[in-house]
Amino acid sequence: MLKEEELAQTVAAACLDEKAVDVVILDVSELTIIADYFVIATARSRVQVQSIVEMVQERLKEFDILPSRVEGVEQGSWAVMDYSSTILHVFQPEDREYYDLENLWGDAKEVDINESYA
């Protein structure tokens, strides 16, 4: 079983493997009870949103970890995957700018992405 930060790092690495851009890990553990980490990534198209979600699911399935919820994939402009301690948000650029999660959670500490998870 992956520890909380390892899970976030694995999710971020899977996003990067699918060529997501501006991938960020936010440590929100001190700010909310809904999760310990948010991973935020930008996809350039509807197809890429879907492929990032699929890659994350495949990567975490190797550890027998399944999301409790996946939303928005069909629409393709955004998707959210809930892995309890880590929540992945994948946006197309306009939606990421609109929701501006980095600003909304501005008190969260940004975690460096560890290249060894890629």
PDB file of N, CA and C in Angstrom:
ATOM      1  N   MET A   1       0.840  -1.184   0.000  1.00  0.00           N
ATOM      2  CA  MET A   1       0.000   0.000   0.000  1.00  0.00           C
ATOM      3  C   MET A   1       0.884   1.247   0.000  1.00  0.00           C
ATOM      4  N   LEU A   2       0.512   2.206  -0.793  1.00  0.00           N
ATOM      5  CA  LEU A   2       1.267   3.443  -0.873  1.00  0.00           C
ATOM      6  C   LEU A   2       0.904   4.365   0.281  1.00  0.00           C
ATOM      7  N   LYS A   3       1.894   5.052   0.821  1.00  0.00           N
ATOM      8  CA  LYS A   3       1.631   6.088   1.817  1.00  0.00           C
ATOM      9  C   LYS A   3       1.029   7.293   1.103  1.00  0.00           C
ATOM     10  N   GLU A   4       0.473   8.233   1.872  1.00  0.00           N
ATOM     11  CA  GLU A   4      -0.264   9.354   1.284  1.00  0.00           C
ATOM     12  C   GLU A   4       0.561  10.146   0.278  1.00  0.00           C
ATOM     13  N   GLU A   5       1.778  10.569   0.656  1.00  0.00           N
ATOM     14  CA  GLU A   5       2.560  11.356  -0.292  1.00  0.00           C
ATOM     15  C   GLU A   5       3.021  10.510  -1.477  1.00  0.00           C
ATOM     16  N   GLU A   6       3.292   9.241  -1.260  1.00  0.00           N
ATOM     17  CA  GLU A   6       3.667   8.354  -2.371  1.00  0.00           C
ATOM     18  C   GLU A   6       2.521   8.237  -3.368  1.00  0.00           C
ATOM     19  N   LEU A   7       1.313   8.178  -2.862  1.00  0.00           N
ATOM     20  CA  LEU A   7       0.138   8.126  -3.733  1.00  0.00           C
ATOM     21  C   LEU A   7       0.054   9.388  -4.574  1.00  0.00           C
ATOM     22  N   ALA A   8       0.203  10.552  -3.945  1.00  0.00           N
ATOM     23  CA  ALA A   8       0.161  11.816  -4.688  1.00  0.00           C
ATOM     24  C   ALA A   8       1.274  11.869  -5.727  1.00  0.00           C
ATOM     25  N   GLN A   9       2.459  11.428  -5.364  1.00  0.00           N
ATOM     26  CA  GLN A   9       3.592  11.419  -6.297  1.00  0.00           C
ATOM     27  C   GLN A   9       3.332  10.473  -7.470  1.00  0.00           C
ATOM     28  N   THR A  10       2.736   9.325  -7.203  1.00  0.00           N
ATOM     29  CA  THR A  10       2.429   8.356  -8.262  1.00  0.00           C
ATOM     30  C   THR A  10       1.375   8.917  -9.215  1.00  0.00           C
ATOM     31  N   VAL A  11       0.378   9.590  -8.669  1.00  0.00           N
ATOM     32  CA  VAL A  11      -0.658  10.226  -9.497  1.00  0.00           C
ATOM     33  C   VAL A  11      -0.022  11.307 -10.376  1.00  0.00           C
ATOM     34  N   ALA A  12       0.818  12.151  -9.793  1.00  0.00           N
ATOM     35  CA  ALA A  12       1.477  13.214 -10.560  1.00  0.00           C
ATOM     36  C   ALA A  12       2.357  12.628 -11.664  1.00  0.00           C
ATOM     37  N   ALA A  13       3.079  11.566 -11.348  1.00  0.00           N
ATOM     38  CA  ALA A  13       3.947  10.930 -12.348  1.00  0.00           C
ATOM     39  C   ALA A  13       3.137  10.361 -13.505  1.00  0.00           C
ATOM     40  N   ALA A  14       1.998   9.755 -13.202  1.00  0.00           N
ATOM     41  CA  ALA A  14       1.142   9.216 -14.255  1.00  0.00           C
ATOM     42  C   ALA A  14       0.621  10.337 -15.156  1.00  0.00           C
ATOM     43  N   CYS A  15       0.283  11.475 -14.562  1.00  0.00           N
ATOM     44  CA  CYS A  15      -0.162  12.636 -15.347  1.00  0.00           C
ATOM     45  C   CYS A  15       0.953  13.097 -16.289  1.00  0.00           C
ATOM     46  N   LEU A  16       2.146  13.188 -15.754  1.00  0.00           N
ATOM     47  CA  LEU A  16       3.286  13.621 -16.573  1.00  0.00           C
ATOM     48  C   LEU A  16       3.582  12.622 -17.685  1.00  0.00           C
ATOM     49  N   ASP A  17       3.415  11.336 -17.402  1.00  0.00           N
ATOM     50  CA  ASP A  17       3.624  10.313 -18.433  1.00  0.00           C
ATOM     51  C   ASP A  17       2.645  10.476 -19.596  1.00  0.00           C
ATOM     52  N   GLU A  18       1.483  11.025 -19.316  1.00  0.00           N
ATOM     53  CA  GLU A  18       0.480  11.283 -20.367  1.00  0.00           C
ATOM     54  C   GLU A  18       0.585  12.705 -20.903  1.00  0.00           C
ATOM     55  N   LYS A  19       1.716  13.352 -20.634  1.00  0.00           N
ATOM     56  CA  LYS A  19       2.043  14.685 -21.171  1.00  0.00           C
ATOM     57  C   LYS A  19       1.156  15.801 -20.635  1.00  0.00           C
ATOM     58  N   ALA A  20       0.640  15.631 -19.424  1.00  0.00           N
ATOM     59  CA  ALA A  20      -0.065  16.735 -18.767  1.00  0.00           C
ATOM     60  C   ALA A  20       0.950  17.845 -18.516  1.00  0.00           C
ATOM     61  N   VAL A  21       0.462  19.067 -18.474  1.00  0.00           N
ATOM     62  CA  VAL A  21       1.344  20.209 -18.212  1.00  0.00           C
ATOM     63  C   VAL A  21       0.936  20.880 -16.908  1.00  0.00           C
ATOM     64  N   ASP A  22       1.870  21.671 -16.366  1.00  0.00           N
ATOM     65  CA  ASP A  22       1.619  22.421 -15.135  1.00  0.00           C
ATOM     66  C   ASP A  22       1.074  21.537 -14.018  1.00  0.00           C
ATOM     67  N   VAL A  23       1.696  20.380 -13.830  1.00  0.00           N
ATOM     68  CA  VAL A  23       1.261  19.466 -12.777  1.00  0.00           C
ATOM     69  C   VAL A  23       1.771  19.998 -11.432  1.00  0.00           C
ATOM     70  N   VAL A  24       0.862  20.074 -10.470  1.00  0.00           N
ATOM     71  CA  VAL A  24       1.167  20.625  -9.152  1.00  0.00           C
ATOM     72  C   VAL A  24       0.606  19.671  -8.094  1.00  0.00           C
ATOM     73  N   ILE A  25       1.372  19.483  -7.028  1.00  0.00           N
ATOM     74  CA  ILE A  25       0.876  18.759  -5.857  1.00  0.00           C
ATOM     75  C   ILE A  25       0.753  19.765  -4.722  1.00  0.00           C
ATOM     76  N   LEU A  26      -0.451  19.861  -4.144  1.00  0.00           N
ATOM     77  CA  LEU A  26      -0.678  20.738  -2.995  1.00  0.00           C
ATOM     78  C   LEU A  26      -0.939  19.888  -1.765  1.00  0.00           C
ATOM     79  N   ASP A  27      -0.243  20.185  -0.687  1.00  0.00           N
ATOM     80  CA  ASP A  27      -0.474  19.535   0.594  1.00  0.00           C
ATOM     81  C   ASP A  27      -1.561  20.338   1.308  1.00  0.00           C
ATOM     82  N   VAL A  28      -2.759  19.780   1.349  1.00  0.00           N
ATOM     83  CA  VAL A  28      -3.898  20.468   1.963  1.00  0.00           C
ATOM     84  C   VAL A  28      -4.279  19.840   3.303  1.00  0.00           C
ATOM     85  N   SER A  29      -3.406  18.978   3.821  1.00  0.00           N
ATOM     86  CA  SER A  29      -3.726  18.216   5.036  1.00  0.00           C
ATOM     87  C   SER A  29      -4.004  19.094   6.251  1.00  0.00           C
ATOM     88  N   GLU A  30      -3.394  20.261   6.300  1.00  0.00           N
ATOM     89  CA  GLU A  30      -3.606  21.163   7.439  1.00  0.00           C
ATOM     90  C   GLU A  30      -4.817  22.082   7.233  1.00  0.00           C
ATOM     91  N   LEU A  31      -5.411  22.025   6.034  1.00  0.00           N
ATOM     92  CA  LEU A  31      -6.460  22.980   5.679  1.00  0.00           C
ATOM     93  C   LEU A  31      -7.858  22.381   5.564  1.00  0.00           C
ATOM     94  N   THR A  32      -7.921  21.058   5.357  1.00  0.00           N
ATOM     95  CA  THR A  32      -9.216  20.427   5.132  1.00  0.00           C
ATOM     96  C   THR A  32      -9.156  18.962   5.552  1.00  0.00           C
ATOM     97  N   ILE A  33     -10.321  18.397   5.816  1.00  0.00           N
ATOM     98  CA  ILE A  33     -10.373  16.978   6.142  1.00  0.00           C
ATOM     99  C   ILE A  33     -10.726  16.118   4.929  1.00  0.00           C
ATOM    100  N   ILE A  34     -11.010  16.748   3.792  1.00  0.00           N
ATOM    101  CA  ILE A  34     -11.448  15.965   2.631  1.00  0.00           C
ATOM    102  C   ILE A  34     -10.317  15.207   1.953  1.00  0.00           C
ATOM    103  N   ALA A  35      -9.073  15.663   2.123  1.00  0.00           N
ATOM    104  CA  ALA A  35      -7.927  14.989   1.506  1.00  0.00           C
ATOM    105  C   ALA A  35      -6.648  15.532   2.117  1.00  0.00           C
ATOM    106  N   ASP A  36      -5.568  14.808   1.886  1.00  0.00           N
ATOM    107  CA  ASP A  36      -4.246  15.288   2.300  1.00  0.00           C
ATOM    108  C   ASP A  36      -3.544  16.024   1.162  1.00  0.00           C
ATOM    109  N   TYR A  37      -3.805  15.568  -0.068  1.00  0.00           N
ATOM    110  CA  TYR A  37      -3.135  16.154  -1.233  1.00  0.00           C
ATOM    111  C   TYR A  37      -4.120  16.366  -2.368  1.00  0.00           C
ATOM    112  N   PHE A  38      -3.926  17.470  -3.078  1.00  0.00           N
ATOM    113  CA  PHE A  38      -4.570  17.701  -4.361  1.00  0.00           C
ATOM    114  C   PHE A  38      -3.478  17.647  -5.413  1.00  0.00           C
ATOM    115  N   VAL A  39      -3.736  16.903  -6.467  1.00  0.00           N
ATOM    116  CA  VAL A  39      -2.867  16.947  -7.640  1.00  0.00           C
ATOM    117  C   VAL A  39      -3.678  17.664  -8.708  1.00  0.00           C
ATOM    118  N   ILE A  40      -3.098  18.690  -9.287  1.00  0.00           N
ATOM    119  CA  ILE A  40      -3.783  19.492 -10.309  1.00  0.00           C
ATOM    120  C   ILE A  40      -2.954  19.415 -11.581  1.00  0.00           C
ATOM    121  N   ALA A  41      -3.620  19.137 -12.698  1.00  0.00           N
ATOM    122  CA  ALA A  41      -2.918  18.992 -13.970  1.00  0.00           C
ATOM    123  C   ALA A  41      -3.740  19.605 -15.089  1.00  0.00           C
ATOM    124  N   THR A  42      -3.043  20.053 -16.119  1.00  0.00           N
ATOM    125  CA  THR A  42      -3.704  20.620 -17.285  1.00  0.00           C
ATOM    126  C   THR A  42      -3.546  19.683 -18.480  1.00  0.00           C
ATOM    127  N   ALA A  43      -4.655  19.457 -19.171  1.00  0.00           N
ATOM    128  CA  ALA A  43      -4.679  18.679 -20.412  1.00  0.00           C
ATOM    129  C   ALA A  43      -5.019  19.629 -21.548  1.00  0.00           C
ATOM    130  N   ARG A  44      -4.504  19.351 -22.715  1.00  0.00           N
ATOM    131  CA  ARG A  44      -4.706  20.248 -23.857  1.00  0.00           C
ATOM    132  C   ARG A  44      -5.970  19.966 -24.657  1.00  0.00           C
ATOM    133  N   SER A  45      -6.623  18.831 -24.380  1.00  0.00           N
ATOM    134  CA  SER A  45      -7.814  18.468 -25.159  1.00  0.00           C
ATOM    135  C   SER A  45      -8.697  17.521 -24.359  1.00  0.00           C
ATOM    136  N   ARG A  46      -9.884  17.320 -24.859  1.00  0.00           N
ATOM    137  CA  ARG A  46     -10.826  16.374 -24.253  1.00  0.00           C
ATOM    138  C   ARG A  46     -10.233  14.970 -24.220  1.00  0.00           C
ATOM    139  N   VAL A  47      -9.621  14.579 -25.318  1.00  0.00           N
ATOM    140  CA  VAL A  47      -9.016  13.243 -25.410  1.00  0.00           C
ATOM    141  C   VAL A  47      -7.905  13.097 -24.379  1.00  0.00           C
ATOM    142  N   GLN A  48      -7.113  14.150 -24.188  1.00  0.00           N
ATOM    143  CA  GLN A  48      -6.026  14.068 -23.224  1.00  0.00           C
ATOM    144  C   GLN A  48      -6.553  13.994 -21.786  1.00  0.00           C
ATOM    145  N   VAL A  49      -7.629  14.696 -21.477  1.00  0.00           N
ATOM    146  CA  VAL A  49      -8.247  14.574 -20.155  1.00  0.00           C
ATOM    147  C   VAL A  49      -8.574  13.100 -19.907  1.00  0.00           C
ATOM    148  N   GLN A  50      -9.215  12.481 -20.879  1.00  0.00           N
ATOM    149  CA  GLN A  50      -9.606  11.083 -20.737  1.00  0.00           C
ATOM    150  C   GLN A  50      -8.398  10.155 -20.639  1.00  0.00           C
ATOM    151  N   SER A  51      -7.365  10.417 -21.427  1.00  0.00           N
ATOM    152  CA  SER A  51      -6.189   9.534 -21.388  1.00  0.00           C
ATOM    153  C   SER A  51      -5.413   9.685 -20.076  1.00  0.00           C
ATOM    154  N   ILE A  52      -5.392  10.875 -19.507  1.00  0.00           N
ATOM    155  CA  ILE A  52      -4.740  11.072 -18.207  1.00  0.00           C
ATOM    156  C   ILE A  52      -5.490  10.278 -17.133  1.00  0.00           C
ATOM    157  N   VAL A  53      -6.805  10.368 -17.131  1.00  0.00           N
ATOM    158  CA  VAL A  53      -7.611   9.614 -16.168  1.00  0.00           C
ATOM    159  C   VAL A  53      -7.349   8.114 -16.320  1.00  0.00           C
ATOM    160  N   GLU A  54      -7.329   7.635 -17.550  1.00  0.00           N
ATOM    161  CA  GLU A  54      -7.077   6.214 -17.789  1.00  0.00           C
ATOM    162  C   GLU A  54      -5.690   5.804 -17.306  1.00  0.00           C
ATOM    163  N   MET A  55      -4.680   6.631 -17.556  1.00  0.00           N
ATOM    164  CA  MET A  55      -3.321   6.320 -17.129  1.00  0.00           C
ATOM    165  C   MET A  55      -3.227   6.250 -15.612  1.00  0.00           C
ATOM    166  N   VAL A  56      -3.850   7.197 -14.935  1.00  0.00           N
ATOM    167  CA  VAL A  56      -3.818   7.193 -13.467  1.00  0.00           C
ATOM    168  C   VAL A  56      -4.502   5.934 -12.936  1.00  0.00           C
ATOM    169  N   GLN A  57      -5.649   5.593 -13.506  1.00  0.00           N
ATOM    170  CA  GLN A  57      -6.358   4.386 -13.067  1.00  0.00           C
ATOM    171  C   GLN A  57      -5.500   3.144 -13.269  1.00  0.00           C
ATOM    172  N   GLU A  58      -4.858   3.033 -14.434  1.00  0.00           N
ATOM    173  CA  GLU A  58      -4.010   1.877 -14.713  1.00  0.00           C
ATOM    174  C   GLU A  58      -2.823   1.810 -13.751  1.00  0.00           C
ATOM    175  N   ARG A  59      -2.174   2.943 -13.528  1.00  0.00           N
ATOM    176  CA  ARG A  59      -0.994   2.984 -12.672  1.00  0.00           C
ATOM    177  C   ARG A  59      -1.345   2.572 -11.238  1.00  0.00           C
ATOM    178  N   LEU A  60      -2.480   3.087 -10.731  1.00  0.00           N
ATOM    179  CA  LEU A  60      -2.833   2.782  -9.348  1.00  0.00           C
ATOM    180  C   LEU A  60      -3.440   1.397  -9.195  1.00  0.00           C
ATOM    181  N   LYS A  61      -3.996   0.871 -10.275  1.00  0.00           N
ATOM    182  CA  LYS A  61      -4.519  -0.495 -10.240  1.00  0.00           C
ATOM    183  C   LYS A  61      -3.386  -1.489  -9.963  1.00  0.00           C
ATOM    184  N   GLU A  62      -2.163  -1.134 -10.386  1.00  0.00           N
ATOM    185  CA  GLU A  62      -0.998  -1.983 -10.101  1.00  0.00           C
ATOM    186  C   GLU A  62      -0.789  -2.144  -8.599  1.00  0.00           C
ATOM    187  N   PHE A  63      -1.260  -1.189  -7.807  1.00  0.00           N
ATOM    188  CA  PHE A  63      -1.149  -1.226  -6.350  1.00  0.00           C
ATOM    189  C   PHE A  63      -2.481  -1.622  -5.695  1.00  0.00           C
ATOM    190  N   ASP A  64      -3.418  -2.106  -6.518  1.00  0.00           N
ATOM    191  CA  ASP A  64      -4.758  -2.462  -6.050  1.00  0.00           C
ATOM    192  C   ASP A  64      -5.479  -1.278  -5.412  1.00  0.00           C
ATOM    193  N   ILE A  65      -5.274  -0.102  -5.987  1.00  0.00           N
ATOM    194  CA  ILE A  65      -5.928   1.114  -5.492  1.00  0.00           C
ATOM    195  C   ILE A  65      -6.922   1.588  -6.552  1.00  0.00           C
ATOM    196  N   LEU A  66      -8.165   1.681  -6.159  1.00  0.00           N
ATOM    197  CA  LEU A  66      -9.220   2.135  -7.062  1.00  0.00           C
ATOM    198  C   LEU A  66      -9.795   3.448  -6.535  1.00  0.00           C
ATOM    199  N   PRO A  67     -10.239   4.327  -7.432  1.00  0.00           N
ATOM    200  CA  PRO A  67     -10.839   5.584  -6.966  1.00  0.00           C
ATOM    201  C   PRO A  67     -12.205   5.326  -6.352  1.00  0.00           C
ATOM    202  N   SER A  68     -12.546   6.136  -5.344  1.00  0.00           N
ATOM    203  CA  SER A  68     -13.885   6.018  -4.777  1.00  0.00           C
ATOM    204  C   SER A  68     -14.904   6.725  -5.672  1.00  0.00           C
ATOM    205  N   ARG A  69     -14.424   7.733  -6.427  1.00  0.00           N
ATOM    206  CA  ARG A  69     -15.285   8.457  -7.372  1.00  0.00           C
ATOM    207  C   ARG A  69     -14.468   8.999  -8.520  1.00  0.00           C
ATOM    208  N   VAL A  70     -15.079   9.006  -9.689  1.00  0.00           N
ATOM    209  CA  VAL A  70     -14.513   9.665 -10.863  1.00  0.00           C
ATOM    210  C   VAL A  70     -15.653  10.454 -11.489  1.00  0.00           C
ATOM    211  N   GLU A  71     -15.430  11.740 -11.711  1.00  0.00           N
ATOM    212  CA  GLU A  71     -16.477  12.606 -12.271  1.00  0.00           C
ATOM    213  C   GLU A  71     -15.922  13.427 -13.425  1.00  0.00           C
ATOM    214  N   GLY A  72     -16.792  13.775 -14.368  1.00  0.00           N
ATOM    215  CA  GLY A  72     -16.473  14.741 -15.403  1.00  0.00           C
ATOM    216  C   GLY A  72     -15.771  14.224 -16.632  1.00  0.00           C
ATOM    217  N   VAL A  73     -15.386  12.972 -16.651  1.00  0.00           N
ATOM    218  CA  VAL A  73     -14.590  12.446 -17.768  1.00  0.00           C
ATOM    219  C   VAL A  73     -15.360  12.537 -19.084  1.00  0.00           C
ATOM    220  N   GLU A  74     -16.651  12.247 -19.042  1.00  0.00           N
ATOM    221  CA  GLU A  74     -17.452  12.256 -20.268  1.00  0.00           C
ATOM    222  C   GLU A  74     -17.482  13.637 -20.935  1.00  0.00           C
ATOM    223  N   GLN A  75     -17.561  14.683 -20.115  1.00  0.00           N
ATOM    224  CA  GLN A  75     -17.596  16.036 -20.666  1.00  0.00           C
ATOM    225  C   GLN A  75     -16.246  16.406 -21.258  1.00  0.00           C
ATOM    226  N   GLY A  76     -15.178  15.962 -20.633  1.00  0.00           N
ATOM    227  CA  GLY A  76     -13.843  16.141 -21.198  1.00  0.00           C
ATOM    228  C   GLY A  76     -13.164  17.467 -20.946  1.00  0.00           C
ATOM    229  N   SER A  77     -13.847  18.436 -20.347  1.00  0.00           N
ATOM    230  CA  SER A  77     -13.165  19.703 -20.079  1.00  0.00           C
ATOM    231  C   SER A  77     -12.495  19.680 -18.711  1.00  0.00           C
ATOM    232  N   TRP A  78     -12.922  18.753 -17.854  1.00  0.00           N
ATOM    233  CA  TRP A  78     -12.324  18.581 -16.536  1.00  0.00           C
ATOM    234  C   TRP A  78     -12.661  17.180 -16.045  1.00  0.00           C
ATOM    235  N   ALA A  79     -11.907  16.720 -15.089  1.00  0.00           N
ATOM    236  CA  ALA A  79     -12.211  15.443 -14.435  1.00  0.00           C
ATOM    237  C   ALA A  79     -11.663  15.514 -13.021  1.00  0.00           C
ATOM    238  N   VAL A  80     -12.320  14.803 -12.130  1.00  0.00           N
ATOM    239  CA  VAL A  80     -11.826  14.694 -10.760  1.00  0.00           C
ATOM    240  C   VAL A  80     -11.853  13.217 -10.388  1.00  0.00           C
ATOM    241  N   MET A  81     -10.779  12.785  -9.744  1.00  0.00           N
ATOM    242  CA  MET A  81     -10.659  11.402  -9.281  1.00  0.00           C
ATOM    243  C   MET A  81     -10.364  11.441  -7.783  1.00  0.00           C
ATOM    244  N   ASP A  82     -11.182  10.759  -7.009  1.00  0.00           N
ATOM    245  CA  ASP A  82     -11.046  10.776  -5.557  1.00  0.00           C
ATOM    246  C   ASP A  82     -10.416   9.469  -5.088  1.00  0.00           C
ATOM    247  N   TYR A  83      -9.190   9.590  -4.577  1.00  0.00           N
ATOM    248  CA  TYR A  83      -8.489   8.455  -3.991  1.00  0.00           C
ATOM    249  C   TYR A  83      -8.348   8.647  -2.480  1.00  0.00           C
ATOM    250  N   SER A  84      -9.348   9.214  -1.872  1.00  0.00           N
ATOM    251  CA  SER A  84      -9.411   9.493  -0.429  1.00  0.00           C
ATOM    252  C   SER A  84      -8.333  10.477   0.014  1.00  0.00           C
ATOM    253  N   SER A  85      -7.114  10.015   0.212  1.00  0.00           N
ATOM    254  CA  SER A  85      -6.080  10.945   0.696  1.00  0.00           C
ATOM    255  C   SER A  85      -5.575  11.870  -0.404  1.00  0.00           C
ATOM    256  N   THR A  86      -5.783  11.480  -1.663  1.00  0.00           N
ATOM    257  CA  THR A  86      -5.346  12.291  -2.803  1.00  0.00           C
ATOM    258  C   THR A  86      -6.511  12.474  -3.766  1.00  0.00           C
ATOM    259  N   ILE A  87      -6.730  13.714  -4.176  1.00  0.00           N
ATOM    260  CA  ILE A  87      -7.750  14.012  -5.174  1.00  0.00           C
ATOM    261  C   ILE A  87      -7.062  14.624  -6.382  1.00  0.00           C
ATOM    262  N   LEU A  88      -7.299  14.026  -7.533  1.00  0.00           N
ATOM    263  CA  LEU A  88      -6.736  14.528  -8.783  1.00  0.00           C
ATOM    264  C   LEU A  88      -7.766  15.398  -9.485  1.00  0.00           C
ATOM    265  N   HIS A  89      -7.318  16.591  -9.923  1.00  0.00           N
ATOM    266  CA  HIS A  89      -8.131  17.491 -10.723  1.00  0.00           C
ATOM    267  C   HIS A  89      -7.416  17.658 -12.062  1.00  0.00           C
ATOM    268  N   VAL A  90      -8.074  17.283 -13.155  1.00  0.00           N
ATOM    269  CA  VAL A  90      -7.516  17.469 -14.494  1.00  0.00           C
ATOM    270  C   VAL A  90      -8.418  18.456 -15.221  1.00  0.00           C
ATOM    271  N   PHE A  91      -7.826  19.521 -15.723  1.00  0.00           N
ATOM    272  CA  PHE A  91      -8.588  20.572 -16.390  1.00  0.00           C
ATOM    273  C   PHE A  91      -8.007  20.856 -17.765  1.00  0.00           C
ATOM    274  N   GLN A  92      -8.870  21.291 -18.675  1.00  0.00           N
ATOM    275  CA  GLN A  92      -8.374  21.984 -19.849  1.00  0.00           C
ATOM    276  C   GLN A  92      -8.030  23.406 -19.388  1.00  0.00           C
ATOM    277  N   PRO A  93      -7.179  24.121 -20.124  1.00  0.00           N
ATOM    278  CA  PRO A  93      -6.658  25.410 -19.639  1.00  0.00           C
ATOM    279  C   PRO A  93      -7.713  26.412 -19.178  1.00  0.00           C
ATOM    280  N   GLU A  94      -8.796  26.566 -19.935  1.00  0.00           N
ATOM    281  CA  GLU A  94      -9.818  27.566 -19.576  1.00  0.00           C
ATOM    282  C   GLU A  94     -10.474  27.223 -18.245  1.00  0.00           C
ATOM    283  N   ASP A  95     -10.743  25.941 -18.030  1.00  0.00           N
ATOM    284  CA  ASP A  95     -11.393  25.523 -16.791  1.00  0.00           C
ATOM    285  C   ASP A  95     -10.437  25.628 -15.603  1.00  0.00           C
ATOM    286  N   ARG A  96      -9.167  25.318 -15.826  1.00  0.00           N
ATOM    287  CA  ARG A  96      -8.208  25.456 -14.728  1.00  0.00           C
ATOM    288  C   ARG A  96      -8.101  26.920 -14.294  1.00  0.00           C
ATOM    289  N   GLU A  97      -8.084  27.806 -15.281  1.00  0.00           N
ATOM    290  CA  GLU A  97      -8.029  29.231 -14.966  1.00  0.00           C
ATOM    291  C   GLU A  97      -9.303  29.671 -14.239  1.00  0.00           C
ATOM    292  N   TYR A  98     -10.448  29.181 -14.693  1.00  0.00           N
ATOM    293  CA  TYR A  98     -11.723  29.563 -14.091  1.00  0.00           C
ATOM    294  C   TYR A  98     -11.815  29.112 -12.625  1.00  0.00           C
ATOM    295  N   TYR A  99     -11.488  27.854 -12.359  1.00  0.00           N
ATOM    296  CA  TYR A  99     -11.611  27.326 -10.994  1.00  0.00           C
ATOM    297  C   TYR A  99     -10.456  27.751 -10.092  1.00  0.00           C
ATOM    298  N   ASP A 100      -9.302  28.007 -10.660  1.00  0.00           N
ATOM    299  CA  ASP A 100      -8.154  28.586  -9.961  1.00  0.00           C
ATOM    300  C   ASP A 100      -7.916  27.963  -8.578  1.00  0.00           C
ATOM    301  N   LEU A 101      -7.792  26.638  -8.568  1.00  0.00           N
ATOM    302  CA  LEU A 101      -7.640  25.937  -7.300  1.00  0.00           C
ATOM    303  C   LEU A 101      -6.373  26.328  -6.542  1.00  0.00           C
ATOM    304  N   GLU A 102      -5.309  26.626  -7.264  1.00  0.00           N
ATOM    305  CA  GLU A 102      -4.079  27.033  -6.584  1.00  0.00           C
ATOM    306  C   GLU A 102      -4.295  28.299  -5.758  1.00  0.00           C
ATOM    307  N   ASN A 103      -5.092  29.218  -6.275  1.00  0.00           N
ATOM    308  CA  ASN A 103      -5.404  30.440  -5.529  1.00  0.00           C
ATOM    309  C   ASN A 103      -6.411  30.158  -4.411  1.00  0.00           C
ATOM    310  N   LEU A 104      -7.407  29.356  -4.724  1.00  0.00           N
ATOM    311  CA  LEU A 104      -8.426  29.004  -3.735  1.00  0.00           C
ATOM    312  C   LEU A 104      -7.792  28.323  -2.519  1.00  0.00           C
ATOM    313  N   TRP A 105      -6.815  27.470  -2.758  1.00  0.00           N
ATOM    314  CA  TRP A 105      -6.089  26.767  -1.702  1.00  0.00           C
ATOM    315  C   TRP A 105      -4.695  27.389  -1.548  1.00  0.00           C
ATOM    316  N   GLY A 106      -4.631  28.686  -1.600  1.00  0.00           N
ATOM    317  CA  GLY A 106      -3.370  29.420  -1.583  1.00  0.00           C
ATOM    318  C   GLY A 106      -2.525  29.215  -0.340  1.00  0.00           C
ATOM    319  N   ASP A 107      -3.130  28.792   0.753  1.00  0.00           N
ATOM    320  CA  ASP A 107      -2.377  28.533   1.972  1.00  0.00           C
ATOM    321  C   ASP A 107      -1.741  27.143   1.984  1.00  0.00           C
ATOM    322  N   ALA A 108      -2.059  26.334   0.979  1.00  0.00           N
ATOM    323  CA  ALA A 108      -1.488  24.979   0.915  1.00  0.00           C
ATOM    324  C   ALA A 108      -0.020  25.041   0.509  1.00  0.00           C
ATOM    325  N   LYS A 109       0.741  24.103   1.043  1.00  0.00           N
ATOM    326  CA  LYS A 109       2.151  24.009   0.696  1.00  0.00           C
ATOM    327  C   LYS A 109       2.284  23.211  -0.605  1.00  0.00           C
ATOM    328  N   GLU A 110       3.044  23.764  -1.562  1.00  0.00           N
ATOM    329  CA  GLU A 110       3.294  23.031  -2.801  1.00  0.00           C
ATOM    330  C   GLU A 110       4.411  22.020  -2.548  1.00  0.00           C
ATOM    331  N   VAL A 111       4.181  20.807  -3.003  1.00  0.00           N
ATOM    332  CA  VAL A 111       5.131  19.705  -2.823  1.00  0.00           C
ATOM    333  C   VAL A 111       5.879  19.499  -4.129  1.00  0.00           C
ATOM    334  N   ASP A 112       7.200  19.398  -4.052  1.00  0.00           N
ATOM    335  CA  ASP A 112       7.988  19.120  -5.245  1.00  0.00           C
ATOM    336  C   ASP A 112       7.666  17.742  -5.782  1.00  0.00           C
ATOM    337  N   ILE A 113       7.555  17.648  -7.102  1.00  0.00           N
ATOM    338  CA  ILE A 113       7.305  16.357  -7.732  1.00  0.00           C
ATOM    339  C   ILE A 113       8.620  15.602  -7.796  1.00  0.00           C
ATOM    340  N   ASN A 114       8.597  14.392  -7.277  1.00  0.00           N
ATOM    341  CA  ASN A 114       9.788  13.553  -7.217  1.00  0.00           C
ATOM    342  C   ASN A 114       9.913  12.775  -8.528  1.00  0.00           C
ATOM    343  N   GLU A 115      10.984  13.012  -9.257  1.00  0.00           N
ATOM    344  CA  GLU A 115      11.208  12.396 -10.561  1.00  0.00           C
ATOM    345  C   GLU A 115      11.287  10.860 -10.482  1.00  0.00           C
ATOM    346  N   SER A 116      11.610  10.311  -9.325  1.00  0.00           N
ATOM    347  CA  SER A 116      11.785   8.861  -9.221  1.00  0.00           C
ATOM    348  C   SER A 116      10.471   8.094  -9.348  1.00  0.00           C
ATOM    349  N   TYR A 117       9.347   8.773  -9.255  1.00  0.00           N
ATOM    350  CA  TYR A 117       8.052   8.111  -9.407  1.00  0.00           C
ATOM    351  C   TYR A 117       7.644   7.985 -10.869  1.00  0.00           C
ATOM    352  N   ALA A 118       8.323   8.712 -11.737  1.00  0.00           N
ATOM    353  CA  ALA A 118       7.953   8.698 -13.161  1.00  0.00           C
ATOM    354  C   ALA A 118       8.390   7.413 -13.827  1.00  0.00           C
TER     355      ALA A 118
END
